[in-house]
Amino acid sequence: MKTYEGLYIFAGIAKDEVLETALAKALAEITRLGGTVLSQEVLGKRTFARPMKKKESGTYATVRFELD
């Protein structure tokens, strides 16, 4: 299996519960495809250089996983 690192940007999510749900959906897709999640880290909220879909900031999260 190869090791990958993915960066997820969740635009406009302010509450922790919503962020955890969205991140869980992304991790579930990795495991559904036969991969294993090695680590995950929420980097926090950051301001974009340019607005993305009329949002000024987003929450960043990195995920390390193995997948064929």
PDB file of N, CA and C in Angstrom:
ATOM      1  N   MET A   1       0.839  -1.187   0.000  1.00  0.00           N
ATOM      2  CA  MET A   1       0.000   0.000   0.000  1.00  0.00           C
ATOM      3  C   MET A   1       0.880   1.246   0.000  1.00  0.00           C
ATOM      4  N   LYS A   2       0.417   2.257  -0.661  1.00  0.00           N
ATOM      5  CA  LYS A   2       1.136   3.530  -0.702  1.00  0.00           C
ATOM      6  C   LYS A   2       0.568   4.468   0.353  1.00  0.00           C
ATOM      7  N   THR A   3       1.418   5.326   0.888  1.00  0.00           N
ATOM      8  CA  THR A   3       1.011   6.298   1.907  1.00  0.00           C
ATOM      9  C   THR A   3       0.767   7.644   1.239  1.00  0.00           C
ATOM     10  N   TYR A   4      -0.365   8.254   1.578  1.00  0.00           N
ATOM     11  CA  TYR A   4      -0.744   9.549   1.033  1.00  0.00           C
ATOM     12  C   TYR A   4      -1.038  10.519   2.168  1.00  0.00           C
ATOM     13  N   GLU A   5      -0.956  11.797   1.847  1.00  0.00           N
ATOM     14  CA  GLU A   5      -1.357  12.834   2.792  1.00  0.00           C
ATOM     15  C   GLU A   5      -2.321  13.765   2.067  1.00  0.00           C
ATOM     16  N   GLY A   6      -3.516  13.907   2.622  1.00  0.00           N
ATOM     17  CA  GLY A   6      -4.537  14.742   2.013  1.00  0.00           C
ATOM     18  C   GLY A   6      -4.832  15.965   2.864  1.00  0.00           C
ATOM     19  N   LEU A   7      -5.117  17.063   2.201  1.00  0.00           N
ATOM     20  CA  LEU A   7      -5.494  18.294   2.885  1.00  0.00           C
ATOM     21  C   LEU A   7      -6.946  18.583   2.543  1.00  0.00           C
ATOM     22  N   TYR A   8      -7.783  18.634   3.552  1.00  0.00           N
ATOM     23  CA  TYR A   8      -9.198  18.942   3.377  1.00  0.00           C
ATOM     24  C   TYR A   8      -9.449  20.358   3.858  1.00  0.00           C
ATOM     25  N   ILE A   9     -10.203  21.122   3.064  1.00  0.00           N
ATOM     26  CA  ILE A   9     -10.578  22.482   3.431  1.00  0.00           C
ATOM     27  C   ILE A   9     -12.096  22.524   3.503  1.00  0.00           C
ATOM     28  N   PHE A  10     -12.611  22.815   4.687  1.00  0.00           N
ATOM     29  CA  PHE A  10     -14.047  22.906   4.904  1.00  0.00           C
ATOM     30  C   PHE A  10     -14.406  24.387   5.000  1.00  0.00           C
ATOM     31  N   ALA A  11     -14.961  24.929   3.930  1.00  0.00           N
ATOM     32  CA  ALA A  11     -15.262  26.359   3.860  1.00  0.00           C
ATOM     33  C   ALA A  11     -16.520  26.679   4.651  1.00  0.00           C
ATOM     34  N   GLY A  12     -16.416  27.659   5.526  1.00  0.00           N
ATOM     35  CA  GLY A  12     -17.573  28.188   6.225  1.00  0.00           C
ATOM     36  C   GLY A  12     -18.071  27.379   7.408  1.00  0.00           C
ATOM     37  N   ILE A  13     -17.354  26.338   7.814  1.00  0.00           N
ATOM     38  CA  ILE A  13     -17.795  25.542   8.958  1.00  0.00           C
ATOM     39  C   ILE A  13     -17.273  26.184  10.232  1.00  0.00           C
ATOM     40  N   ALA A  14     -18.186  26.521  11.138  1.00  0.00           N
ATOM     41  CA  ALA A  14     -17.792  27.218  12.361  1.00  0.00           C
ATOM     42  C   ALA A  14     -17.878  26.323  13.595  1.00  0.00           C
ATOM     43  N   LYS A  15     -18.807  25.374  13.600  1.00  0.00           N
ATOM     44  CA  LYS A  15     -19.018  24.563  14.798  1.00  0.00           C
ATOM     45  C   LYS A  15     -18.211  23.272  14.737  1.00  0.00           C
ATOM     46  N   ASP A  16     -17.715  22.842  15.886  1.00  0.00           N
ATOM     47  CA  ASP A  16     -16.893  21.644  15.960  1.00  0.00           C
ATOM     48  C   ASP A  16     -17.670  20.386  15.606  1.00  0.00           C
ATOM     49  N   GLU A  17     -18.957  20.327  15.973  1.00  0.00           N
ATOM     50  CA  GLU A  17     -19.750  19.135  15.695  1.00  0.00           C
ATOM     51  C   GLU A  17     -19.914  18.933  14.188  1.00  0.00           C
ATOM     52  N   VAL A  18     -20.124  20.011  13.465  1.00  0.00           N
ATOM     53  CA  VAL A  18     -20.306  19.937  12.015  1.00  0.00           C
ATOM     54  C   VAL A  18     -18.990  19.539  11.348  1.00  0.00           C
ATOM     55  N   LEU A  19     -17.892  20.077  11.853  1.00  0.00           N
ATOM     56  CA  LEU A  19     -16.578  19.745  11.318  1.00  0.00           C
ATOM     57  C   LEU A  19     -16.279  18.264  11.529  1.00  0.00           C
ATOM     58  N   GLU A  20     -16.545  17.744  12.707  1.00  0.00           N
ATOM     59  CA  GLU A  20     -16.286  16.336  12.992  1.00  0.00           C
ATOM     60  C   GLU A  20     -17.130  15.432  12.099  1.00  0.00           C
ATOM     61  N   THR A  21     -18.361  15.810  11.835  1.00  0.00           N
ATOM     62  CA  THR A  21     -19.233  15.028  10.958  1.00  0.00           C
ATOM     63  C   THR A  21     -18.708  15.020   9.529  1.00  0.00           C
ATOM     64  N   ALA A  22     -18.290  16.174   9.038  1.00  0.00           N
ATOM     65  CA  ALA A  22     -17.774  16.276   7.673  1.00  0.00           C
ATOM     66  C   ALA A  22     -16.462  15.508   7.527  1.00  0.00           C
ATOM     67  N   LEU A  23     -15.598  15.590   8.517  1.00  0.00           N
ATOM     68  CA  LEU A  23     -14.335  14.870   8.477  1.00  0.00           C
ATOM     69  C   LEU A  23     -14.569  13.363   8.576  1.00  0.00           C
ATOM     70  N   ALA A  24     -15.537  12.956   9.369  1.00  0.00           N
ATOM     71  CA  ALA A  24     -15.863  11.530   9.495  1.00  0.00           C
ATOM     72  C   ALA A  24     -16.357  10.963   8.167  1.00  0.00           C
ATOM     73  N   LYS A  25     -17.095  11.746   7.401  1.00  0.00           N
ATOM     74  CA  LYS A  25     -17.563  11.305   6.086  1.00  0.00           C
ATOM     75  C   LYS A  25     -16.382  11.097   5.135  1.00  0.00           C
ATOM     76  N   ALA A  26     -15.408  11.990   5.179  1.00  0.00           N
ATOM     77  CA  ALA A  26     -14.225  11.862   4.329  1.00  0.00           C
ATOM     78  C   ALA A  26     -13.412  10.630   4.727  1.00  0.00           C
ATOM     79  N   LEU A  27     -13.263  10.389   6.017  1.00  0.00           N
ATOM     80  CA  LEU A  27     -12.515   9.229   6.491  1.00  0.00           C
ATOM     81  C   LEU A  27     -13.251   7.932   6.178  1.00  0.00           C
ATOM     82  N   ALA A  28     -14.572   7.953   6.227  1.00  0.00           N
ATOM     83  CA  ALA A  28     -15.361   6.777   5.893  1.00  0.00           C
ATOM     84  C   ALA A  28     -15.196   6.403   4.419  1.00  0.00           C
ATOM     85  N   GLU A  29     -15.042   7.381   3.561  1.00  0.00           N
ATOM     86  CA  GLU A  29     -14.841   7.111   2.145  1.00  0.00           C
ATOM     87  C   GLU A  29     -13.485   6.441   1.907  1.00  0.00           C
ATOM     88  N   ILE A  30     -12.472   6.855   2.642  1.00  0.00           N
ATOM     89  CA  ILE A  30     -11.146   6.224   2.524  1.00  0.00           C
ATOM     90  C   ILE A  30     -11.220   4.764   2.943  1.00  0.00           C
ATOM     91  N   THR A  31     -11.868   4.498   4.068  1.00  0.00           N
ATOM     92  CA  THR A  31     -11.966   3.113   4.538  1.00  0.00           C
ATOM     93  C   THR A  31     -12.879   2.284   3.634  1.00  0.00           C
ATOM     94  N   ARG A  32     -13.878   2.895   3.034  1.00  0.00           N
ATOM     95  CA  ARG A  32     -14.767   2.175   2.108  1.00  0.00           C
ATOM     96  C   ARG A  32     -13.998   1.693   0.885  1.00  0.00           C
ATOM     97  N   LEU A  33     -13.001   2.469   0.463  1.00  0.00           N
ATOM     98  CA  LEU A  33     -12.187   2.105  -0.692  1.00  0.00           C
ATOM     99  C   LEU A  33     -11.081   1.108  -0.346  1.00  0.00           C
ATOM    100  N   GLY A  34     -11.007   0.680   0.910  1.00  0.00           N
ATOM    101  CA  GLY A  34     -10.025  -0.321   1.318  1.00  0.00           C
ATOM    102  C   GLY A  34      -8.764   0.252   1.932  1.00  0.00           C
ATOM    103  N   GLY A  35      -8.767   1.508   2.257  1.00  0.00           N
ATOM    104  CA  GLY A  35      -7.598   2.142   2.853  1.00  0.00           C
ATOM    105  C   GLY A  35      -7.662   2.159   4.368  1.00  0.00           C
ATOM    106  N   THR A  36      -6.561   2.562   4.965  1.00  0.00           N
ATOM    107  CA  THR A  36      -6.501   2.720   6.417  1.00  0.00           C
ATOM    108  C   THR A  36      -6.017   4.120   6.739  1.00  0.00           C
ATOM    109  N   VAL A  37      -6.668   4.746   7.697  1.00  0.00           N
ATOM    110  CA  VAL A  37      -6.299   6.091   8.130  1.00  0.00           C
ATOM    111  C   VAL A  37      -5.206   5.963   9.186  1.00  0.00           C
ATOM    112  N   LEU A  38      -4.064   6.605   8.942  1.00  0.00           N
ATOM    113  CA  LEU A  38      -2.945   6.542   9.875  1.00  0.00           C
ATOM    114  C   LEU A  38      -3.013   7.639  10.926  1.00  0.00           C
ATOM    115  N   SER A  39      -3.324   8.854  10.496  1.00  0.00           N
ATOM    116  CA  SER A  39      -3.426   9.966  11.437  1.00  0.00           C
ATOM    117  C   SER A  39      -4.287  11.069  10.832  1.00  0.00           C
ATOM    118  N   GLN A  40      -4.806  11.911  11.699  1.00  0.00           N
ATOM    119  CA  GLN A  40      -5.577  13.076  11.269  1.00  0.00           C
ATOM    120  C   GLN A  40      -5.283  14.220  12.222  1.00  0.00           C
ATOM    121  N   GLU A  41      -5.277  15.429  11.678  1.00  0.00           N
ATOM    122  CA  GLU A  41      -4.989  16.606  12.491  1.00  0.00           C
ATOM    123  C   GLU A  41      -5.774  17.790  11.946  1.00  0.00           C
ATOM    124  N   VAL A  42      -6.508  18.436  12.815  1.00  0.00           N
ATOM    125  CA  VAL A  42      -7.243  19.645  12.436  1.00  0.00           C
ATOM    126  C   VAL A  42      -6.303  20.823  12.676  1.00  0.00           C
ATOM    127  N   LEU A  43      -5.993  21.544  11.602  1.00  0.00           N
ATOM    128  CA  LEU A  43      -5.039  22.651  11.686  1.00  0.00           C
ATOM    129  C   LEU A  43      -5.673  23.956  12.131  1.00  0.00           C
ATOM    130  N   GLY A  44      -6.985  24.024  12.078  1.00  0.00           N
ATOM    131  CA  GLY A  44      -7.672  25.227  12.543  1.00  0.00           C
ATOM    132  C   GLY A  44      -8.222  26.065  11.407  1.00  0.00           C
ATOM    133  N   LYS A  45      -8.779  27.193  11.784  1.00  0.00           N
ATOM    134  CA  LYS A  45      -9.439  28.086  10.838  1.00  0.00           C
ATOM    135  C   LYS A  45      -8.430  29.091  10.296  1.00  0.00           C
ATOM    136  N   ARG A  46      -8.458  29.286   8.973  1.00  0.00           N
ATOM    137  CA  ARG A  46      -7.552  30.230   8.327  1.00  0.00           C
ATOM    138  C   ARG A  46      -8.313  31.045   7.290  1.00  0.00           C
ATOM    139  N   THR A  47      -7.846  32.248   7.045  1.00  0.00           N
ATOM    140  CA  THR A  47      -8.458  33.146   6.064  1.00  0.00           C
ATOM    141  C   THR A  47      -7.899  32.840   4.684  1.00  0.00           C
ATOM    142  N   PHE A  48      -8.784  32.822   3.683  1.00  0.00           N
ATOM    143  CA  PHE A  48      -8.376  32.578   2.305  1.00  0.00           C
ATOM    144  C   PHE A  48      -7.763  33.832   1.696  1.00  0.00           C
ATOM    145  N   ALA A  49      -6.895  33.648   0.701  1.00  0.00           N
ATOM    146  CA  ALA A  49      -6.340  34.776  -0.039  1.00  0.00           C
ATOM    147  C   ALA A  49      -7.425  35.419  -0.900  1.00  0.00           C
ATOM    148  N   ARG A  50      -8.312  34.584  -1.449  1.00  0.00           N
ATOM    149  CA  ARG A  50      -9.464  35.048  -2.233  1.00  0.00           C
ATOM    150  C   ARG A  50     -10.693  34.307  -1.725  1.00  0.00           C
ATOM    151  N   PRO A  51     -11.853  34.921  -1.786  1.00  0.00           N
ATOM    152  CA  PRO A  51     -13.069  34.233  -1.331  1.00  0.00           C
ATOM    153  C   PRO A  51     -13.341  32.959  -2.130  1.00  0.00           C
ATOM    154  N   MET A  52     -13.777  31.927  -1.436  1.00  0.00           N
ATOM    155  CA  MET A  52     -14.158  30.666  -2.071  1.00  0.00           C
ATOM    156  C   MET A  52     -15.652  30.477  -1.864  1.00  0.00           C
ATOM    157  N   LYS A  53     -16.410  30.534  -2.944  1.00  0.00           N
ATOM    158  CA  LYS A  53     -17.872  30.416  -2.886  1.00  0.00           C
ATOM    159  C   LYS A  53     -18.461  31.387  -1.860  1.00  0.00           C
ATOM    160  N   LYS A  54     -17.981  32.620  -1.919  1.00  0.00           N
ATOM    161  CA  LYS A  54     -18.427  33.725  -1.061  1.00  0.00           C
ATOM    162  C   LYS A  54     -18.109  33.502   0.415  1.00  0.00           C
ATOM    163  N   LYS A  55     -17.171  32.624   0.717  1.00  0.00           N
ATOM    164  CA  LYS A  55     -16.712  32.398   2.096  1.00  0.00           C
ATOM    165  C   LYS A  55     -15.324  33.002   2.234  1.00  0.00           C
ATOM    166  N   GLU A  56     -15.061  33.630   3.367  1.00  0.00           N
ATOM    167  CA  GLU A  56     -13.787  34.306   3.592  1.00  0.00           C
ATOM    168  C   GLU A  56     -12.748  33.422   4.292  1.00  0.00           C
ATOM    169  N   SER A  57     -13.207  32.375   4.986  1.00  0.00           N
ATOM    170  CA  SER A  57     -12.267  31.521   5.712  1.00  0.00           C
ATOM    171  C   SER A  57     -12.768  30.083   5.723  1.00  0.00           C
ATOM    172  N   GLY A  58     -11.873  29.182   6.126  1.00  0.00           N
ATOM    173  CA  GLY A  58     -12.240  27.778   6.193  1.00  0.00           C
ATOM    174  C   GLY A  58     -11.386  27.055   7.210  1.00  0.00           C
ATOM    175  N   THR A  59     -11.801  25.867   7.556  1.00  0.00           N
ATOM    176  CA  THR A  59     -11.079  25.054   8.514  1.00  0.00           C
ATOM    177  C   THR A  59     -10.288  23.999   7.747  1.00  0.00           C
ATOM    178  N   TYR A  60      -9.002  23.900   8.064  1.00  0.00           N
ATOM    179  CA  TYR A  60      -8.101  22.992   7.378  1.00  0.00           C
ATOM    180  C   TYR A  60      -7.862  21.746   8.228  1.00  0.00           C
ATOM    181  N   ALA A  61      -7.766  20.593   7.564  1.00  0.00           N
ATOM    182  CA  ALA A  61      -7.465  19.338   8.246  1.00  0.00           C
ATOM    183  C   ALA A  61      -6.578  18.490   7.341  1.00  0.00           C
ATOM    184  N   THR A  62      -5.559  17.857   7.919  1.00  0.00           N
ATOM    185  CA  THR A  62      -4.710  16.944   7.169  1.00  0.00           C
ATOM    186  C   THR A  62      -4.988  15.520   7.617  1.00  0.00           C
ATOM    187  N   VAL A  63      -4.917  14.607   6.655  1.00  0.00           N
ATOM    188  CA  VAL A  63      -5.154  13.196   6.925  1.00  0.00           C
ATOM    189  C   VAL A  63      -4.064  12.393   6.222  1.00  0.00           C
ATOM    190  N   ARG A  64      -3.392  11.516   6.967  1.00  0.00           N
ATOM    191  CA  ARG A  64      -2.439  10.568   6.393  1.00  0.00           C
ATOM    192  C   ARG A  64      -3.124   9.226   6.313  1.00  0.00           C
ATOM    193  N   PHE A  65      -3.038   8.577   5.136  1.00  0.00           N
ATOM    194  CA  PHE A  65      -3.707   7.296   4.955  1.00  0.00           C
ATOM    195  C   PHE A  65      -2.949   6.430   3.974  1.00  0.00           C
ATOM    196  N   GLU A  66      -3.217   5.133   4.032  1.00  0.00           N
ATOM    197  CA  GLU A  66      -2.649   4.166   3.093  1.00  0.00           C
ATOM    198  C   GLU A  66      -3.774   3.655   2.206  1.00  0.00           C
ATOM    199  N   LEU A  67      -3.436   3.516   0.910  1.00  0.00           N
ATOM    200  CA  LEU A  67      -4.430   3.081  -0.060  1.00  0.00           C
ATOM    201  C   LEU A  67      -3.713   2.482  -1.251  1.00  0.00           C
ATOM    202  N   ASP A  68      -4.304   1.444  -1.854  1.00  0.00           N
ATOM    203  CA  ASP A  68      -3.727   0.849  -3.072  1.00  0.00           C
ATOM    204  C   ASP A  68      -3.947   1.739  -4.251  1.00  0.00           C
TER     205      ASP A  68
END
